[in-house]
Amino acid sequence: MLFRIDTTSDEPLYVQLAAQVRTAVAHGDLQAGERLPSARELAASLEMNLHTVLHAYQELRDEGLIELRRGRGAVVTADTAPDLAELSTAVDALVATARRLRVAPETVTALVKEALR
């Protein structure tokens, strides 16, 4: 899996990392039992602090998306892949509507985040 970090974003780096793993699991790009890079490897490849990666991994562990095993690293758990077909259809419709109305992506994101609270 390729991680991309936007250092100019206001969103904390650990939040960006965790979101990418969540998205990959939701889309089926990461399957149950798959290993994520070690925190050290990922921190080195992204040129970031090890504790930032560990923070993201701990958040994902607390959500039940991954297991952290000493010596084995981070592993995607077996029960993480809900069927998201209906949600994916709704998101596609939301994106189409936002584009038709020429609403900025940041506004759409803010509205969705607010609705999820």
C-alpha atoms as a PDB file:
ATOM      1  CA  MET A   1       0.000   0.000   0.000  1.00  0.00           C
ATOM      2  CA  LEU A   2       1.261   3.454  -0.913  1.00  0.00           C
ATOM      3  CA  PHE A   3       0.782   6.154   1.710  1.00  0.00           C
ATOM      4  CA  ARG A   4       0.704   9.806   0.751  1.00  0.00           C
ATOM      5  CA  ILE A   5       0.994  12.603   3.238  1.00  0.00           C
ATOM      6  CA  ASP A   6       0.170  16.248   2.644  1.00  0.00           C
ATOM      7  CA  THR A   7       2.442  18.237   4.917  1.00  0.00           C
ATOM      8  CA  THR A   8       0.664  21.469   3.918  1.00  0.00           C
ATOM      9  CA  SER A   9      -2.711  20.220   5.158  1.00  0.00           C
ATOM     10  CA  ASP A  10      -4.199  21.417   8.428  1.00  0.00           C
ATOM     11  CA  GLU A  11      -5.119  17.795   9.150  1.00  0.00           C
ATOM     12  CA  PRO A  12      -2.625  16.115  11.505  1.00  0.00           C
ATOM     13  CA  LEU A  13      -0.327  13.564   9.874  1.00  0.00           C
ATOM     14  CA  TYR A  14      -1.523  10.676  12.055  1.00  0.00           C
ATOM     15  CA  VAL A  15      -5.120  11.438  11.053  1.00  0.00           C
ATOM     16  CA  GLN A  16      -4.124  11.350   7.370  1.00  0.00           C
ATOM     17  CA  LEU A  17      -2.398   7.980   7.822  1.00  0.00           C
ATOM     18  CA  ALA A  18      -5.305   6.431   9.719  1.00  0.00           C
ATOM     19  CA  ALA A  19      -7.800   7.708   7.138  1.00  0.00           C
ATOM     20  CA  GLN A  20      -5.838   6.101   4.314  1.00  0.00           C
ATOM     21  CA  VAL A  21      -5.869   2.731   6.058  1.00  0.00           C
ATOM     22  CA  ARG A  22      -9.615   3.023   6.767  1.00  0.00           C
ATOM     23  CA  THR A  23     -10.277   3.850   3.121  1.00  0.00           C
ATOM     24  CA  ALA A  24      -8.124   0.969   1.869  1.00  0.00           C
ATOM     25  CA  VAL A  25      -9.992  -1.468   4.143  1.00  0.00           C
ATOM     26  CA  ALA A  26     -13.373  -0.075   3.093  1.00  0.00           C
ATOM     27  CA  HIS A  27     -12.519  -0.423  -0.605  1.00  0.00           C
ATOM     28  CA  GLY A  28     -11.087  -3.894  -0.137  1.00  0.00           C
ATOM     29  CA  ASP A  29      -7.558  -2.817  -1.034  1.00  0.00           C
ATOM     30  CA  LEU A  30      -6.434  -4.151   2.342  1.00  0.00           C
ATOM     31  CA  GLN A  31      -7.738  -7.594   3.269  1.00  0.00           C
ATOM     32  CA  ALA A  32      -8.017  -9.334   6.623  1.00  0.00           C
ATOM     33  CA  GLY A  33      -4.677 -10.779   7.637  1.00  0.00           C
ATOM     34  CA  GLU A  34      -2.603  -8.378   5.553  1.00  0.00           C
ATOM     35  CA  ARG A  35       0.319  -6.758   7.276  1.00  0.00           C
ATOM     36  CA  LEU A  36       0.941  -3.048   7.242  1.00  0.00           C
ATOM     37  CA  PRO A  37       4.503  -1.748   7.116  1.00  0.00           C
ATOM     38  CA  SER A  38       6.229  -1.627  10.477  1.00  0.00           C
ATOM     39  CA  ALA A  39       5.945   1.726  12.189  1.00  0.00           C
ATOM     40  CA  ARG A  40       9.681   2.234  11.798  1.00  0.00           C
ATOM     41  CA  GLU A  41       9.647   1.421   8.083  1.00  0.00           C
ATOM     42  CA  LEU A  42       6.667   3.674   7.434  1.00  0.00           C
ATOM     43  CA  ALA A  43       8.108   6.546   9.465  1.00  0.00           C
ATOM     44  CA  ALA A  44      11.389   6.280   7.576  1.00  0.00           C
ATOM     45  CA  SER A  45       9.757   6.086   4.149  1.00  0.00           C
ATOM     46  CA  LEU A  46       7.517   9.089   4.848  1.00  0.00           C
ATOM     47  CA  GLU A  47      10.278  10.979   6.668  1.00  0.00           C
ATOM     48  CA  MET A  48       8.161  11.491   9.750  1.00  0.00           C
ATOM     49  CA  ASN A  49       8.407  10.844  13.450  1.00  0.00           C
ATOM     50  CA  LEU A  50       7.954   7.237  14.580  1.00  0.00           C
ATOM     51  CA  HIS A  51       5.481   8.361  17.251  1.00  0.00           C
ATOM     52  CA  THR A  52       3.233   9.911  14.597  1.00  0.00           C
ATOM     53  CA  VAL A  53       2.901   6.536  12.861  1.00  0.00           C
ATOM     54  CA  LEU A  54       2.403   4.762  16.193  1.00  0.00           C
ATOM     55  CA  HIS A  55      -0.364   7.246  17.055  1.00  0.00           C
ATOM     56  CA  ALA A  56      -2.175   6.385  13.805  1.00  0.00           C
ATOM     57  CA  TYR A  57      -1.716   2.641  14.366  1.00  0.00           C
ATOM     58  CA  GLN A  58      -2.967   2.906  17.960  1.00  0.00           C
ATOM     59  CA  GLU A  59      -6.065   4.786  16.806  1.00  0.00           C
ATOM     60  CA  LEU A  60      -6.779   2.065  14.228  1.00  0.00           C
ATOM     61  CA  ARG A  61      -6.202  -0.609  16.875  1.00  0.00           C
ATOM     62  CA  ASP A  62      -8.658   1.110  19.231  1.00  0.00           C
ATOM     63  CA  GLU A  63     -11.249   1.079  16.429  1.00  0.00           C
ATOM     64  CA  GLY A  64     -10.669  -2.648  15.887  1.00  0.00           C
ATOM     65  CA  LEU A  65      -9.369  -2.237  12.332  1.00  0.00           C
ATOM     66  CA  ILE A  66      -5.907  -3.595  13.053  1.00  0.00           C
ATOM     67  CA  GLU A  67      -4.142  -5.698  15.647  1.00  0.00           C
ATOM     68  CA  LEU A  68      -0.731  -4.705  16.882  1.00  0.00           C
ATOM     69  CA  ARG A  69       1.435  -7.718  17.598  1.00  0.00           C
ATOM     70  CA  ARG A  70       4.920  -7.521  19.009  1.00  0.00           C
ATOM     71  CA  GLY A  71       7.320  -8.935  16.473  1.00  0.00           C
ATOM     72  CA  ARG A  72       4.612  -9.233  13.791  1.00  0.00           C
ATOM     73  CA  GLY A  73       3.615  -5.620  13.429  1.00  0.00           C
ATOM     74  CA  ALA A  74       0.214  -4.275  12.424  1.00  0.00           C
ATOM     75  CA  VAL A  75      -2.218  -6.742  10.866  1.00  0.00           C
ATOM     76  CA  VAL A  76      -5.673  -6.002   9.427  1.00  0.00           C
ATOM     77  CA  THR A  77      -8.288  -7.802  11.516  1.00  0.00           C
ATOM     78  CA  ALA A  78     -10.674 -10.380  10.088  1.00  0.00           C
ATOM     79  CA  ASP A  79     -13.925  -8.571  10.803  1.00  0.00           C
ATOM     80  CA  THR A  80     -13.218  -5.208   9.157  1.00  0.00           C
ATOM     81  CA  ALA A  81     -14.822  -5.387   5.729  1.00  0.00           C
ATOM     82  CA  PRO A  82     -18.491  -4.387   5.845  1.00  0.00           C
ATOM     83  CA  ASP A  83     -20.424  -4.277   2.589  1.00  0.00           C
ATOM     84  CA  LEU A  84     -20.193  -0.666   1.508  1.00  0.00           C
ATOM     85  CA  ALA A  85     -22.019  -0.910  -1.813  1.00  0.00           C
ATOM     86  CA  GLU A  86     -24.996   1.152  -0.632  1.00  0.00           C
ATOM     87  CA  LEU A  87     -22.763   3.774   0.951  1.00  0.00           C
ATOM     88  CA  SER A  88     -20.580   3.925  -2.150  1.00  0.00           C
ATOM     89  CA  THR A  89     -23.665   4.586  -4.291  1.00  0.00           C
ATOM     90  CA  ALA A  90     -24.748   7.375  -1.936  1.00  0.00           C
ATOM     91  CA  VAL A  91     -21.277   8.944  -2.045  1.00  0.00           C
ATOM     92  CA  ASP A  92     -21.284   8.827  -5.843  1.00  0.00           C
ATOM     93  CA  ALA A  93     -24.639  10.617  -5.841  1.00  0.00           C
ATOM     94  CA  LEU A  94     -23.352  13.216  -3.367  1.00  0.00           C
ATOM     95  CA  VAL A  95     -20.278  13.889  -5.525  1.00  0.00           C
ATOM     96  CA  ALA A  96     -22.403  14.203  -8.668  1.00  0.00           C
ATOM     97  CA  THR A  97     -24.736  16.665  -6.936  1.00  0.00           C
ATOM     98  CA  ALA A  98     -21.840  18.701  -5.520  1.00  0.00           C
ATOM     99  CA  ARG A  99     -20.231  18.937  -8.962  1.00  0.00           C
ATOM    100  CA  ARG A 100     -23.514  19.925 -10.594  1.00  0.00           C
ATOM    101  CA  LEU A 101     -23.985  22.683  -8.000  1.00  0.00           C
ATOM    102  CA  ARG A 102     -20.282  23.625  -8.211  1.00  0.00           C
ATOM    103  CA  VAL A 103     -19.763  23.238  -4.472  1.00  0.00           C
ATOM    104  CA  ALA A 104     -16.121  23.166  -3.400  1.00  0.00           C
ATOM    105  CA  PRO A 105     -14.813  19.812  -2.126  1.00  0.00           C
ATOM    106  CA  GLU A 106     -13.855  21.433   1.183  1.00  0.00           C
ATOM    107  CA  THR A 107     -17.450  22.557   1.692  1.00  0.00           C
ATOM    108  CA  VAL A 108     -18.804  19.096   0.902  1.00  0.00           C
ATOM    109  CA  THR A 109     -16.325  17.524   3.308  1.00  0.00           C
ATOM    110  CA  ALA A 110     -17.271  19.999   6.045  1.00  0.00           C
ATOM    111  CA  LEU A 111     -20.961  19.267   5.528  1.00  0.00           C
ATOM    112  CA  VAL A 112     -20.418  15.509   5.681  1.00  0.00           C
ATOM    113  CA  LYS A 113     -18.258  15.761   8.806  1.00  0.00           C
ATOM    114  CA  GLU A 114     -20.882  17.924  10.475  1.00  0.00           C
ATOM    115  CA  ALA A 115     -23.656  15.489   9.567  1.00  0.00           C
ATOM    116  CA  LEU A 116     -21.680  12.588  11.021  1.00  0.00           C
ATOM    117  CA  ARG A 117     -21.312  14.246  14.433  1.00  0.00           C
END
